[in-house]
Amino acid sequence: MKSNKSPVGEVRLSAVDAQIIRCLNEDARISAAAIAERLDLPESTVRYRLGRLVKTGVIEFTAVPNPLHLGYQIWAILEIHAELARLRDIARELASRPEVYFVSITTGNYDILVGAVFRSNEEMLEFITAYLPRVPGIIRTTTSTVLDVVKRFLTFDVPGETEPPVKASERRRGRKPAAPKAKAAKPR
């Protein structure tokens, strides 16, 4: 039985998988039936592929609230310099905090990137001056605040997406997708 994972552990996606992901990215609440109609696929195919994409961890479903619309006045990004031997422990400790929604261990100018939200300057001040100094291994932090969100969703290319779509009628006949037709020049 063939595995659908490549040697480096990523899942191989077909053009259809990529198109399903793109449909969900454009409208996360779109139904499998609507995706099937848009892509001219059987609904059972979309449901099967969608289930596989979720099972393999390629996509996850979650609601992503905007904290600035939920009473949080401050949306902060913290760059943390830390003792290398304690990176994972620090990341886990920070992730346990209710105001922290994102934690990653990074390379570059800092070691850990943290996203957090606060209802007031006082809450942020308490987090930065009282809580962070008690976390063993933190050397230095830099804090920035989010003033406006310009982009907050996936738009990078999905592997397999460059393949042209195959219409159901062409799949049934075993044909390859037709090349896009060139537009005829308008007579002068």
C-alpha atoms as a PDB file:
ATOM      1  CA  MET A   1       0.000   0.000   0.000  1.00  0.00           C
ATOM      2  CA  LYS A   2       1.362   3.393  -0.987  1.00  0.00           C
ATOM      3  CA  SER A   3       1.802   6.040   1.669  1.00  0.00           C
ATOM      4  CA  ASN A   4       0.532   9.526   0.889  1.00  0.00           C
ATOM      5  CA  LYS A   5       3.478  11.064   2.715  1.00  0.00           C
ATOM      6  CA  SER A   6       6.677  12.181   1.033  1.00  0.00           C
ATOM      7  CA  PRO A   7      10.112  11.229   2.428  1.00  0.00           C
ATOM      8  CA  VAL A   8      10.266  14.417   4.542  1.00  0.00           C
ATOM      9  CA  GLY A   9       6.904  13.709   6.162  1.00  0.00           C
ATOM     10  CA  GLU A  10       4.646  16.153   4.348  1.00  0.00           C
ATOM     11  CA  VAL A  11       1.421  14.984   2.772  1.00  0.00           C
ATOM     12  CA  ARG A  12       1.329  14.926  -1.021  1.00  0.00           C
ATOM     13  CA  LEU A  13      -1.576  16.928  -2.329  1.00  0.00           C
ATOM     14  CA  SER A  14      -3.308  16.631  -5.640  1.00  0.00           C
ATOM     15  CA  ALA A  15      -4.689  19.577  -7.590  1.00  0.00           C
ATOM     16  CA  VAL A  16      -8.141  18.637  -6.281  1.00  0.00           C
ATOM     17  CA  ASP A  17      -6.917  18.706  -2.664  1.00  0.00           C
ATOM     18  CA  ALA A  18      -5.386  22.128  -3.287  1.00  0.00           C
ATOM     19  CA  GLN A  19      -8.633  23.397  -4.813  1.00  0.00           C
ATOM     20  CA  ILE A  20     -10.626  22.155  -1.812  1.00  0.00           C
ATOM     21  CA  ILE A  21      -8.213  23.957   0.529  1.00  0.00           C
ATOM     22  CA  ARG A  22      -8.502  27.139  -1.553  1.00  0.00           C
ATOM     23  CA  CYS A  23     -12.325  26.970  -1.423  1.00  0.00           C
ATOM     24  CA  LEU A  24     -12.222  26.633   2.363  1.00  0.00           C
ATOM     25  CA  ASN A  25      -9.715  29.455   2.601  1.00  0.00           C
ATOM     26  CA  GLU A  26     -12.046  31.746   0.670  1.00  0.00           C
ATOM     27  CA  ASP A  27     -15.072  30.716   2.775  1.00  0.00           C
ATOM     28  CA  ALA A  28     -14.415  28.536   5.829  1.00  0.00           C
ATOM     29  CA  ARG A  29     -18.149  27.844   6.210  1.00  0.00           C
ATOM     30  CA  ILE A  30     -18.668  26.521   2.676  1.00  0.00           C
ATOM     31  CA  SER A  31     -20.375  23.127   2.583  1.00  0.00           C
ATOM     32  CA  ALA A  32     -18.931  20.019   0.972  1.00  0.00           C
ATOM     33  CA  ALA A  33     -21.861  20.126  -1.452  1.00  0.00           C
ATOM     34  CA  ALA A  34     -21.000  23.684  -2.498  1.00  0.00           C
ATOM     35  CA  ILE A  35     -17.321  22.771  -2.934  1.00  0.00           C
ATOM     36  CA  ALA A  36     -18.346  19.770  -5.032  1.00  0.00           C
ATOM     37  CA  GLU A  37     -20.543  21.968  -7.204  1.00  0.00           C
ATOM     38  CA  ARG A  38     -17.861  24.630  -7.621  1.00  0.00           C
ATOM     39  CA  LEU A  39     -15.203  22.072  -8.557  1.00  0.00           C
ATOM     40  CA  ASP A  40     -17.571  19.865 -10.572  1.00  0.00           C
ATOM     41  CA  LEU A  41     -16.816  16.846  -8.364  1.00  0.00           C
ATOM     42  CA  PRO A  42     -19.017  14.266  -6.691  1.00  0.00           C
ATOM     43  CA  GLU A  43     -19.836  15.343  -3.126  1.00  0.00           C
ATOM     44  CA  SER A  44     -18.599  11.978  -1.833  1.00  0.00           C
ATOM     45  CA  THR A  45     -15.163  12.713  -3.322  1.00  0.00           C
ATOM     46  CA  VAL A  46     -15.008  16.097  -1.603  1.00  0.00           C
ATOM     47  CA  ARG A  47     -16.113  14.590   1.731  1.00  0.00           C
ATOM     48  CA  TYR A  48     -13.539  11.788   1.469  1.00  0.00           C
ATOM     49  CA  ARG A  49     -10.686  14.132   0.548  1.00  0.00           C
ATOM     50  CA  LEU A  50     -11.708  16.660   3.187  1.00  0.00           C
ATOM     51  CA  GLY A  51     -11.730  13.903   5.823  1.00  0.00           C
ATOM     52  CA  ARG A  52      -8.261  12.809   4.721  1.00  0.00           C
ATOM     53  CA  LEU A  53      -6.941  16.383   4.836  1.00  0.00           C
ATOM     54  CA  VAL A  54      -8.224  16.766   8.401  1.00  0.00           C
ATOM     55  CA  LYS A  55      -6.998  13.317   9.515  1.00  0.00           C
ATOM     56  CA  THR A  56      -3.476  13.949   8.198  1.00  0.00           C
ATOM     57  CA  GLY A  57      -3.354  17.379   9.838  1.00  0.00           C
ATOM     58  CA  VAL A  58      -3.075  19.318   6.582  1.00  0.00           C
ATOM     59  CA  ILE A  59      -6.053  21.447   7.612  1.00  0.00           C
ATOM     60  CA  GLU A  60      -7.643  22.201  10.946  1.00  0.00           C
ATOM     61  CA  PHE A  61     -10.955  23.872  11.610  1.00  0.00           C
ATOM     62  CA  THR A  62     -11.153  26.602  14.195  1.00  0.00           C
ATOM     63  CA  ALA A  63     -12.862  29.923  14.692  1.00  0.00           C
ATOM     64  CA  VAL A  64     -10.304  32.726  14.891  1.00  0.00           C
ATOM     65  CA  PRO A  65     -11.722  35.662  16.814  1.00  0.00           C
ATOM     66  CA  ASN A  66     -10.346  39.164  16.518  1.00  0.00           C
ATOM     67  CA  PRO A  67      -9.458  40.149  20.100  1.00  0.00           C
ATOM     68  CA  LEU A  68      -9.753  43.853  19.309  1.00  0.00           C
ATOM     69  CA  HIS A  69     -13.502  43.251  18.766  1.00  0.00           C
ATOM     70  CA  LEU A  70     -13.888  41.337  22.040  1.00  0.00           C
ATOM     71  CA  GLY A  71     -12.940  44.010  24.534  1.00  0.00           C
ATOM     72  CA  TYR A  72      -9.188  43.508  24.464  1.00  0.00           C
ATOM     73  CA  GLN A  73      -7.598  46.907  24.033  1.00  0.00           C
ATOM     74  CA  ILE A  74      -4.058  45.643  23.492  1.00  0.00           C
ATOM     75  CA  TRP A  75      -2.853  42.950  21.135  1.00  0.00           C
ATOM     76  CA  ALA A  76       0.844  42.441  21.815  1.00  0.00           C
ATOM     77  CA  ILE A  77       3.664  40.610  20.086  1.00  0.00           C
ATOM     78  CA  LEU A  78       6.570  39.743  22.373  1.00  0.00           C
ATOM     79  CA  GLU A  79      10.016  38.776  21.144  1.00  0.00           C
ATOM     80  CA  ILE A  80      11.852  36.873  23.845  1.00  0.00           C
ATOM     81  CA  HIS A  81      15.559  36.190  24.169  1.00  0.00           C
ATOM     82  CA  ALA A  82      16.111  33.123  26.343  1.00  0.00           C
ATOM     83  CA  GLU A  83      18.633  30.648  27.621  1.00  0.00           C
ATOM     84  CA  LEU A  84      18.805  27.998  24.904  1.00  0.00           C
ATOM     85  CA  ALA A  85      18.691  25.083  27.341  1.00  0.00           C
ATOM     86  CA  ARG A  86      15.340  26.345  28.662  1.00  0.00           C
ATOM     87  CA  LEU A  87      13.573  27.257  25.400  1.00  0.00           C
ATOM     88  CA  ARG A  88      10.970  24.490  25.480  1.00  0.00           C
ATOM     89  CA  ASP A  89      10.231  24.954  29.176  1.00  0.00           C
ATOM     90  CA  ILE A  90       9.783  28.700  28.719  1.00  0.00           C
ATOM     91  CA  ALA A  91       7.566  28.182  25.654  1.00  0.00           C
ATOM     92  CA  ARG A  92       5.356  25.707  27.549  1.00  0.00           C
ATOM     93  CA  GLU A  93       5.117  28.045  30.552  1.00  0.00           C
ATOM     94  CA  LEU A  94       4.100  30.986  28.368  1.00  0.00           C
ATOM     95  CA  ALA A  95       1.588  28.845  26.467  1.00  0.00           C
ATOM     96  CA  SER A  96      -0.170  28.017  29.743  1.00  0.00           C
ATOM     97  CA  ARG A  97      -1.156  31.646  30.291  1.00  0.00           C
ATOM     98  CA  PRO A  98      -4.747  32.589  29.374  1.00  0.00           C
ATOM     99  CA  GLU A  99      -3.755  35.904  27.749  1.00  0.00           C
ATOM    100  CA  VAL A 100      -1.277  34.137  25.458  1.00  0.00           C
ATOM    101  CA  TYR A 101      -2.763  32.776  22.220  1.00  0.00           C
ATOM    102  CA  PHE A 102       0.385  31.975  20.221  1.00  0.00           C
ATOM    103  CA  VAL A 103       3.868  30.725  21.140  1.00  0.00           C
ATOM    104  CA  SER A 104       6.623  29.623  18.783  1.00  0.00           C
ATOM    105  CA  ILE A 105      10.297  28.829  19.115  1.00  0.00           C
ATOM    106  CA  THR A 106      12.110  30.699  16.356  1.00  0.00           C
ATOM    107  CA  THR A 107      15.450  31.404  14.754  1.00  0.00           C
ATOM    108  CA  GLY A 108      16.827  34.853  14.073  1.00  0.00           C
ATOM    109  CA  ASN A 109      17.004  37.878  16.354  1.00  0.00           C
ATOM    110  CA  TYR A 110      14.974  36.314  19.169  1.00  0.00           C
ATOM    111  CA  ASP A 111      14.263  32.812  20.440  1.00  0.00           C
ATOM    112  CA  ILE A 112      10.540  32.786  21.202  1.00  0.00           C
ATOM    113  CA  LEU A 113       7.684  34.712  19.601  1.00  0.00           C
ATOM    114  CA  VAL A 114       4.557  35.233  21.690  1.00  0.00           C
ATOM    115  CA  GLY A 115       1.162  36.714  20.837  1.00  0.00           C
ATOM    116  CA  ALA A 116      -0.930  37.924  23.775  1.00  0.00           C
ATOM    117  CA  VAL A 117      -3.980  40.088  24.402  1.00  0.00           C
ATOM    118  CA  PHE A 118      -4.721  42.403  27.305  1.00  0.00           C
ATOM    119  CA  ARG A 119      -7.784  44.373  28.362  1.00  0.00           C
ATOM    120  CA  SER A 120      -5.703  47.327  29.542  1.00  0.00           C
ATOM    121  CA  ASN A 121      -2.227  48.813  29.787  1.00  0.00           C
ATOM    122  CA  GLU A 122      -2.244  47.773  33.441  1.00  0.00           C
ATOM    123  CA  GLU A 123      -2.769  44.109  32.510  1.00  0.00           C
ATOM    124  CA  MET A 124       0.075  44.252  29.986  1.00  0.00           C
ATOM    125  CA  LEU A 125       2.330  46.053  32.467  1.00  0.00           C
ATOM    126  CA  GLU A 126       1.614  43.371  35.090  1.00  0.00           C
ATOM    127  CA  PHE A 127       2.417  40.597  32.569  1.00  0.00           C
ATOM    128  CA  ILE A 128       5.678  42.224  31.450  1.00  0.00           C
ATOM    129  CA  THR A 129       6.985  43.491  34.795  1.00  0.00           C
ATOM    130  CA  ALA A 130       5.642  40.953  37.302  1.00  0.00           C
ATOM    131  CA  TYR A 131       5.055  37.683  35.466  1.00  0.00           C
ATOM    132  CA  LEU A 132       7.831  37.516  32.828  1.00  0.00           C
ATOM    133  CA  PRO A 133      10.703  38.233  35.275  1.00  0.00           C
ATOM    134  CA  ARG A 134       9.606  35.194  37.329  1.00  0.00           C
ATOM    135  CA  VAL A 135       9.954  32.820  34.343  1.00  0.00           C
ATOM    136  CA  PRO A 136      13.394  31.173  34.669  1.00  0.00           C
ATOM    137  CA  GLY A 137      15.577  31.536  31.578  1.00  0.00           C
ATOM    138  CA  ILE A 138      14.114  34.694  30.033  1.00  0.00           C
ATOM    139  CA  ILE A 139      16.997  37.073  29.309  1.00  0.00           C
ATOM    140  CA  ARG A 140      15.317  39.996  27.552  1.00  0.00           C
ATOM    141  CA  THR A 141      12.037  40.881  25.825  1.00  0.00           C
ATOM    142  CA  THR A 142      10.840  43.328  23.220  1.00  0.00           C
ATOM    143  CA  THR A 143       7.135  44.113  23.045  1.00  0.00           C
ATOM    144  CA  SER A 144       5.201  45.557  20.111  1.00  0.00           C
ATOM    145  CA  THR A 145       1.476  46.182  19.849  1.00  0.00           C
ATOM    146  CA  VAL A 146      -0.785  45.456  16.902  1.00  0.00           C
ATOM    147  CA  LEU A 147      -2.483  48.639  15.716  1.00  0.00           C
ATOM    148  CA  ASP A 148      -4.416  47.186  12.795  1.00  0.00           C
ATOM    149  CA  VAL A 149      -4.732  43.795  11.104  1.00  0.00           C
ATOM    150  CA  VAL A 150      -4.226  44.040   7.358  1.00  0.00           C
ATOM    151  CA  LYS A 151      -4.023  40.326   6.494  1.00  0.00           C
ATOM    152  CA  ARG A 152      -4.798  37.309   8.617  1.00  0.00           C
ATOM    153  CA  PHE A 153      -5.342  34.253   6.461  1.00  0.00           C
ATOM    154  CA  LEU A 154      -3.550  31.753   4.259  1.00  0.00           C
ATOM    155  CA  THR A 155      -2.702  32.931   0.776  1.00  0.00           C
ATOM    156  CA  PHE A 156       0.500  31.061   0.013  1.00  0.00           C
ATOM    157  CA  ASP A 157       0.574  28.501  -2.775  1.00  0.00           C
ATOM    158  CA  VAL A 158      -0.661  25.065  -1.819  1.00  0.00           C
ATOM    159  CA  PRO A 159       1.490  22.249  -3.270  1.00  0.00           C
ATOM    160  CA  GLY A 160      -0.346  20.692  -6.198  1.00  0.00           C
ATOM    161  CA  GLU A 161      -2.361  23.828  -6.890  1.00  0.00           C
ATOM    162  CA  THR A 162      -0.518  24.635 -10.107  1.00  0.00           C
ATOM    163  CA  GLU A 163      -2.062  21.658 -11.882  1.00  0.00           C
ATOM    164  CA  PRO A 164      -5.074  22.689 -13.972  1.00  0.00           C
ATOM    165  CA  PRO A 165      -8.452  21.496 -12.700  1.00  0.00           C
ATOM    166  CA  VAL A 166      -9.980  18.454 -14.347  1.00  0.00           C
ATOM    167  CA  LYS A 167     -13.740  18.631 -14.932  1.00  0.00           C
ATOM    168  CA  ALA A 168     -15.756  15.589 -13.870  1.00  0.00           C
ATOM    169  CA  SER A 169     -16.836  14.949 -17.449  1.00  0.00           C
ATOM    170  CA  GLU A 170     -13.180  14.866 -18.562  1.00  0.00           C
ATOM    171  CA  ARG A 171     -12.235  12.544 -15.670  1.00  0.00           C
ATOM    172  CA  ARG A 172     -15.004  10.124 -16.622  1.00  0.00           C
ATOM    173  CA  ARG A 173     -13.763   9.999 -20.216  1.00  0.00           C
ATOM    174  CA  GLY A 174     -10.139   9.668 -19.075  1.00  0.00           C
ATOM    175  CA  ARG A 175      -9.111  12.888 -20.803  1.00  0.00           C
ATOM    176  CA  LYS A 176      -6.519  15.327 -19.695  1.00  0.00           C
ATOM    177  CA  PRO A 177      -7.701  18.861 -19.004  1.00  0.00           C
ATOM    178  CA  ALA A 178      -7.937  21.064 -22.036  1.00  0.00           C
ATOM    179  CA  ALA A 179      -5.461  23.888 -22.347  1.00  0.00           C
ATOM    180  CA  PRO A 180      -7.000  27.299 -21.723  1.00  0.00           C
ATOM    181  CA  LYS A 181      -8.355  28.808 -24.907  1.00  0.00           C
ATOM    182  CA  ALA A 182      -6.637  31.895 -26.191  1.00  0.00           C
ATOM    183  CA  LYS A 183      -8.863  34.912 -26.575  1.00  0.00           C
ATOM    184  CA  ALA A 184      -9.428  35.933 -30.147  1.00  0.00           C
ATOM    185  CA  ALA A 185      -8.154  39.337 -31.057  1.00  0.00           C
ATOM    186  CA  LYS A 186     -10.863  41.900 -31.665  1.00  0.00           C
ATOM    187  CA  PRO A 187     -11.035  43.174 -35.220  1.00  0.00           C
ATOM    188  CA  ARG A 188     -10.014  46.785 -35.610  1.00  0.00           C
END
